[in-house]
Amino acid sequence: MNRQEFEQLRDLPGKRITADIEFFANKSASPNLTFDGIRVENELGLDVFVNGTYKPGIPAFTFNFRVGQLGPICRVSVNNMHHKGIGRTHKNDLQDEADPRLNLPTAIARPDLEGKSVEEVWKILCRHASIEHSGKFIIPKEAT
């Protein structure tokens, strides 16, 4: 996937997520909460999925979009690990065809997302990417 194809997918109207986004405890990621394998339906017929991690003790969170076997194409991290002079809140997205294989090396600061809740950032991402999420957004009460 090249940058033009990424932008075409990102800007494509009518993308849908009908599943609930529900963060669960995960023994291999403890004490973090995660979700995985949520399909993003799209008219291009691409296998697009989103997963996420929520670290309630910090709090920090990440949403990661990937295309089938290609790999990650967009990741948003809020209050997470510091990224090479960009800060702890940033977005990585596909700039070059090799980027999914390189785990999206280019980061762009996103200070506009700092201080926002996990659900607020999710709604912003959906709005900016023309994704309609008709399911629920669930974080266990004990984690908030």
C-alpha atoms as a PDB file:
ATOM      1  CA  MET A   1       0.000   0.000   0.000  1.00  0.00           C
ATOM      2  CA  ASN A   2       1.386   3.395  -0.918  1.00  0.00           C
ATOM      3  CA  ARG A   3       0.542   6.793   0.592  1.00  0.00           C
ATOM      4  CA  GLN A   4      -2.074   7.557  -2.069  1.00  0.00           C
ATOM      5  CA  GLU A   5      -3.875   4.247  -1.405  1.00  0.00           C
ATOM      6  CA  PHE A   6      -3.692   4.890   2.343  1.00  0.00           C
ATOM      7  CA  GLU A   7      -5.262   8.332   1.905  1.00  0.00           C
ATOM      8  CA  GLN A   8      -7.943   6.867  -0.365  1.00  0.00           C
ATOM      9  CA  LEU A   9      -8.873   4.354   2.350  1.00  0.00           C
ATOM     10  CA  ARG A  10      -8.654   6.942   5.149  1.00  0.00           C
ATOM     11  CA  ASP A  11     -10.877   9.403   3.278  1.00  0.00           C
ATOM     12  CA  LEU A  12     -13.322   6.791   1.972  1.00  0.00           C
ATOM     13  CA  PRO A  13     -16.802   7.610   3.300  1.00  0.00           C
ATOM     14  CA  GLY A  14     -19.102   4.976   4.704  1.00  0.00           C
ATOM     15  CA  LYS A  15     -16.658   2.844   6.666  1.00  0.00           C
ATOM     16  CA  ARG A  16     -18.410   0.979   9.486  1.00  0.00           C
ATOM     17  CA  ILE A  17     -17.668  -0.831  12.706  1.00  0.00           C
ATOM     18  CA  THR A  18     -20.696  -2.714  13.998  1.00  0.00           C
ATOM     19  CA  ALA A  19     -18.943  -4.643  16.791  1.00  0.00           C
ATOM     20  CA  ASP A  20     -18.586  -3.435  20.351  1.00  0.00           C
ATOM     21  CA  ILE A  21     -15.207  -2.014  21.289  1.00  0.00           C
ATOM     22  CA  GLU A  22     -14.646  -3.668  24.649  1.00  0.00           C
ATOM     23  CA  PHE A  23     -11.372  -3.593  26.560  1.00  0.00           C
ATOM     24  CA  PHE A  24     -10.648  -6.835  28.435  1.00  0.00           C
ATOM     25  CA  ALA A  25      -8.034  -7.943  30.924  1.00  0.00           C
ATOM     26  CA  ASN A  26      -5.404  -9.969  29.121  1.00  0.00           C
ATOM     27  CA  LYS A  27      -2.985 -12.178  31.070  1.00  0.00           C
ATOM     28  CA  SER A  28      -0.184 -11.630  28.558  1.00  0.00           C
ATOM     29  CA  ALA A  29      -0.626  -7.837  28.711  1.00  0.00           C
ATOM     30  CA  SER A  30      -1.529  -7.458  32.412  1.00  0.00           C
ATOM     31  CA  PRO A  31      -2.302  -4.983  33.923  1.00  0.00           C
ATOM     32  CA  ASN A  32      -3.250  -3.489  30.570  1.00  0.00           C
ATOM     33  CA  LEU A  33      -6.643  -3.937  28.953  1.00  0.00           C
ATOM     34  CA  THR A  34      -6.894  -4.790  25.261  1.00  0.00           C
ATOM     35  CA  PHE A  35      -9.216  -5.502  22.372  1.00  0.00           C
ATOM     36  CA  ASP A  36      -8.293  -7.047  19.035  1.00  0.00           C
ATOM     37  CA  GLY A  37      -9.603  -8.090  15.650  1.00  0.00           C
ATOM     38  CA  ILE A  38     -12.409  -5.566  15.214  1.00  0.00           C
ATOM     39  CA  ARG A  39     -13.281  -5.352  11.522  1.00  0.00           C
ATOM     40  CA  VAL A  40     -13.627  -1.996   9.766  1.00  0.00           C
ATOM     41  CA  GLU A  41     -16.071  -2.617   6.919  1.00  0.00           C
ATOM     42  CA  ASN A  42     -15.278  -0.653   3.775  1.00  0.00           C
ATOM     43  CA  GLU A  43     -16.408  -0.450   0.156  1.00  0.00           C
ATOM     44  CA  LEU A  44     -12.907  -1.232  -1.131  1.00  0.00           C
ATOM     45  CA  GLY A  45     -13.232  -4.741   0.282  1.00  0.00           C
ATOM     46  CA  LEU A  46      -9.940  -4.465   2.189  1.00  0.00           C
ATOM     47  CA  ASP A  47      -9.421  -6.522   5.350  1.00  0.00           C
ATOM     48  CA  VAL A  48      -9.040  -3.621   7.795  1.00  0.00           C
ATOM     49  CA  PHE A  49      -8.943  -4.290  11.533  1.00  0.00           C
ATOM     50  CA  VAL A  50      -8.409  -2.221  14.668  1.00  0.00           C
ATOM     51  CA  ASN A  51      -6.997  -3.221  18.024  1.00  0.00           C
ATOM     52  CA  GLY A  52      -6.267  -1.226  21.128  1.00  0.00           C
ATOM     53  CA  THR A  53      -4.505  -1.134  24.460  1.00  0.00           C
ATOM     54  CA  TYR A  54      -5.499   0.812  27.565  1.00  0.00           C
ATOM     55  CA  LYS A  55      -3.068   1.239  30.450  1.00  0.00           C
ATOM     56  CA  PRO A  56      -5.314   2.438  33.293  1.00  0.00           C
ATOM     57  CA  GLY A  57      -2.453   2.968  35.756  1.00  0.00           C
ATOM     58  CA  ILE A  58      -0.917   5.772  33.663  1.00  0.00           C
ATOM     59  CA  PRO A  59      -3.510   6.332  31.956  1.00  0.00           C
ATOM     60  CA  ALA A  60      -2.340   5.773  28.376  1.00  0.00           C
ATOM     61  CA  PHE A  61      -3.889   4.154  25.337  1.00  0.00           C
ATOM     62  CA  THR A  62      -3.280   3.196  21.733  1.00  0.00           C
ATOM     63  CA  PHE A  63      -5.513   2.459  18.750  1.00  0.00           C
ATOM     64  CA  ASN A  64      -3.850   0.553  15.912  1.00  0.00           C
ATOM     65  CA  PHE A  65      -5.371   0.057  12.444  1.00  0.00           C
ATOM     66  CA  ARG A  66      -3.962  -2.652  10.185  1.00  0.00           C
ATOM     67  CA  VAL A  67      -4.696  -4.144   6.779  1.00  0.00           C
ATOM     68  CA  GLY A  68      -4.753  -7.947   6.582  1.00  0.00           C
ATOM     69  CA  GLN A  69      -1.323  -9.438   6.133  1.00  0.00           C
ATOM     70  CA  LEU A  70       0.175  -6.064   5.125  1.00  0.00           C
ATOM     71  CA  GLY A  71       0.472  -4.828   8.707  1.00  0.00           C
ATOM     72  CA  PRO A  72      -0.169  -1.565  10.570  1.00  0.00           C
ATOM     73  CA  ILE A  73      -1.209   1.483   8.544  1.00  0.00           C
ATOM     74  CA  CYS A  74      -2.160   3.955  11.304  1.00  0.00           C
ATOM     75  CA  ARG A  75      -1.617   4.129  15.062  1.00  0.00           C
ATOM     76  CA  VAL A  76      -2.629   6.787  17.556  1.00  0.00           C
ATOM     77  CA  SER A  77      -0.954   6.799  20.974  1.00  0.00           C
ATOM     78  CA  VAL A  78      -2.026   9.052  23.822  1.00  0.00           C
ATOM     79  CA  ASN A  79       0.189   9.603  26.864  1.00  0.00           C
ATOM     80  CA  ASN A  80       2.199   6.543  25.884  1.00  0.00           C
ATOM     81  CA  MET A  81       5.894   5.906  25.279  1.00  0.00           C
ATOM     82  CA  HIS A  82       7.924   8.942  24.223  1.00  0.00           C
ATOM     83  CA  HIS A  83       8.563   8.967  20.465  1.00  0.00           C
ATOM     84  CA  LYS A  84      11.841  10.512  19.258  1.00  0.00           C
ATOM     85  CA  GLY A  85      11.349  14.176  20.092  1.00  0.00           C
ATOM     86  CA  ILE A  86       7.657  14.115  19.167  1.00  0.00           C
ATOM     87  CA  GLY A  87       6.296  13.393  22.633  1.00  0.00           C
ATOM     88  CA  ARG A  88       4.019  10.859  24.259  1.00  0.00           C
ATOM     89  CA  THR A  89       0.884  11.735  22.269  1.00  0.00           C
ATOM     90  CA  HIS A  90       1.309  11.180  18.563  1.00  0.00           C
ATOM     91  CA  LYS A  91       0.067   9.536  15.390  1.00  0.00           C
ATOM     92  CA  ASN A  92       2.029   7.162  13.171  1.00  0.00           C
ATOM     93  CA  ASP A  93       0.686   6.510   9.710  1.00  0.00           C
ATOM     94  CA  LEU A  94       1.791   5.078   6.415  1.00  0.00           C
ATOM     95  CA  GLN A  95       4.081   7.416   4.513  1.00  0.00           C
ATOM     96  CA  ASP A  96       5.989   4.873   2.411  1.00  0.00           C
ATOM     97  CA  GLU A  97       5.201   1.378   1.116  1.00  0.00           C
ATOM     98  CA  ALA A  98       7.760  -0.154   3.511  1.00  0.00           C
ATOM     99  CA  ASP A  99       6.259   1.482   6.616  1.00  0.00           C
ATOM    100  CA  PRO A 100       3.954  -1.392   7.683  1.00  0.00           C
ATOM    101  CA  ARG A 101       6.962  -3.719   7.717  1.00  0.00           C
ATOM    102  CA  LEU A 102       8.930  -1.094   9.689  1.00  0.00           C
ATOM    103  CA  ASN A 103       6.095  -0.596  12.238  1.00  0.00           C
ATOM    104  CA  LEU A 104       5.193   2.911  11.006  1.00  0.00           C
ATOM    105  CA  PRO A 105       8.409   4.776  11.853  1.00  0.00           C
ATOM    106  CA  THR A 106       7.153   8.322  11.156  1.00  0.00           C
ATOM    107  CA  ALA A 107       5.366  10.056  14.036  1.00  0.00           C
ATOM    108  CA  ILE A 108       3.438  13.316  14.081  1.00  0.00           C
ATOM    109  CA  ALA A 109       2.715  15.101  17.356  1.00  0.00           C
ATOM    110  CA  ARG A 110      -0.982  15.216  18.316  1.00  0.00           C
ATOM    111  CA  PRO A 111      -1.154  17.593  21.309  1.00  0.00           C
ATOM    112  CA  ASP A 112      -4.855  18.136  20.511  1.00  0.00           C
ATOM    113  CA  LEU A 113      -5.547  14.658  21.922  1.00  0.00           C
ATOM    114  CA  GLU A 114      -3.782  15.210  25.259  1.00  0.00           C
ATOM    115  CA  GLY A 115      -6.061  15.192  28.294  1.00  0.00           C
ATOM    116  CA  LYS A 116      -8.907  13.520  26.417  1.00  0.00           C
ATOM    117  CA  SER A 117     -10.504  10.273  27.562  1.00  0.00           C
ATOM    118  CA  VAL A 118     -10.146   7.000  25.676  1.00  0.00           C
ATOM    119  CA  GLU A 119     -13.702   7.281  24.382  1.00  0.00           C
ATOM    120  CA  GLU A 120     -13.290  10.936  23.363  1.00  0.00           C
ATOM    121  CA  VAL A 121     -10.217  10.066  21.285  1.00  0.00           C
ATOM    122  CA  TRP A 122     -12.041   7.085  19.746  1.00  0.00           C
ATOM    123  CA  LYS A 123     -14.882   9.369  18.628  1.00  0.00           C
ATOM    124  CA  ILE A 124     -12.413  11.878  17.164  1.00  0.00           C
ATOM    125  CA  LEU A 125     -10.627   9.110  15.226  1.00  0.00           C
ATOM    126  CA  CYS A 126     -13.895   7.753  13.875  1.00  0.00           C
ATOM    127  CA  ARG A 127     -15.040  11.209  12.806  1.00  0.00           C
ATOM    128  CA  HIS A 128     -11.731  12.058  11.089  1.00  0.00           C
ATOM    129  CA  ALA A 129     -11.598   8.703   9.266  1.00  0.00           C
ATOM    130  CA  SER A 130     -15.293   8.652   8.275  1.00  0.00           C
ATOM    131  CA  ILE A 131     -15.976   5.548  10.385  1.00  0.00           C
ATOM    132  CA  GLU A 132     -19.458   5.009  11.779  1.00  0.00           C
ATOM    133  CA  HIS A 133     -19.240   2.979  14.986  1.00  0.00           C
ATOM    134  CA  SER A 134     -22.687   1.595  15.824  1.00  0.00           C
ATOM    135  CA  GLY A 135     -21.553  -0.752  18.601  1.00  0.00           C
ATOM    136  CA  LYS A 136     -20.850   0.084  22.230  1.00  0.00           C
ATOM    137  CA  PHE A 137     -17.592   1.417  23.655  1.00  0.00           C
ATOM    138  CA  ILE A 138     -16.880  -0.434  26.906  1.00  0.00           C
ATOM    139  CA  ILE A 139     -14.140   0.022  29.493  1.00  0.00           C
ATOM    140  CA  PRO A 140     -14.592  -1.904  32.748  1.00  0.00           C
ATOM    141  CA  LYS A 141     -15.727   0.461  35.518  1.00  0.00           C
ATOM    142  CA  GLU A 142     -12.871  -0.617  37.783  1.00  0.00           C
ATOM    143  CA  ALA A 143     -10.368   0.607  35.160  1.00  0.00           C
ATOM    144  CA  THR A 144     -11.689   4.163  34.963  1.00  0.00           C
END
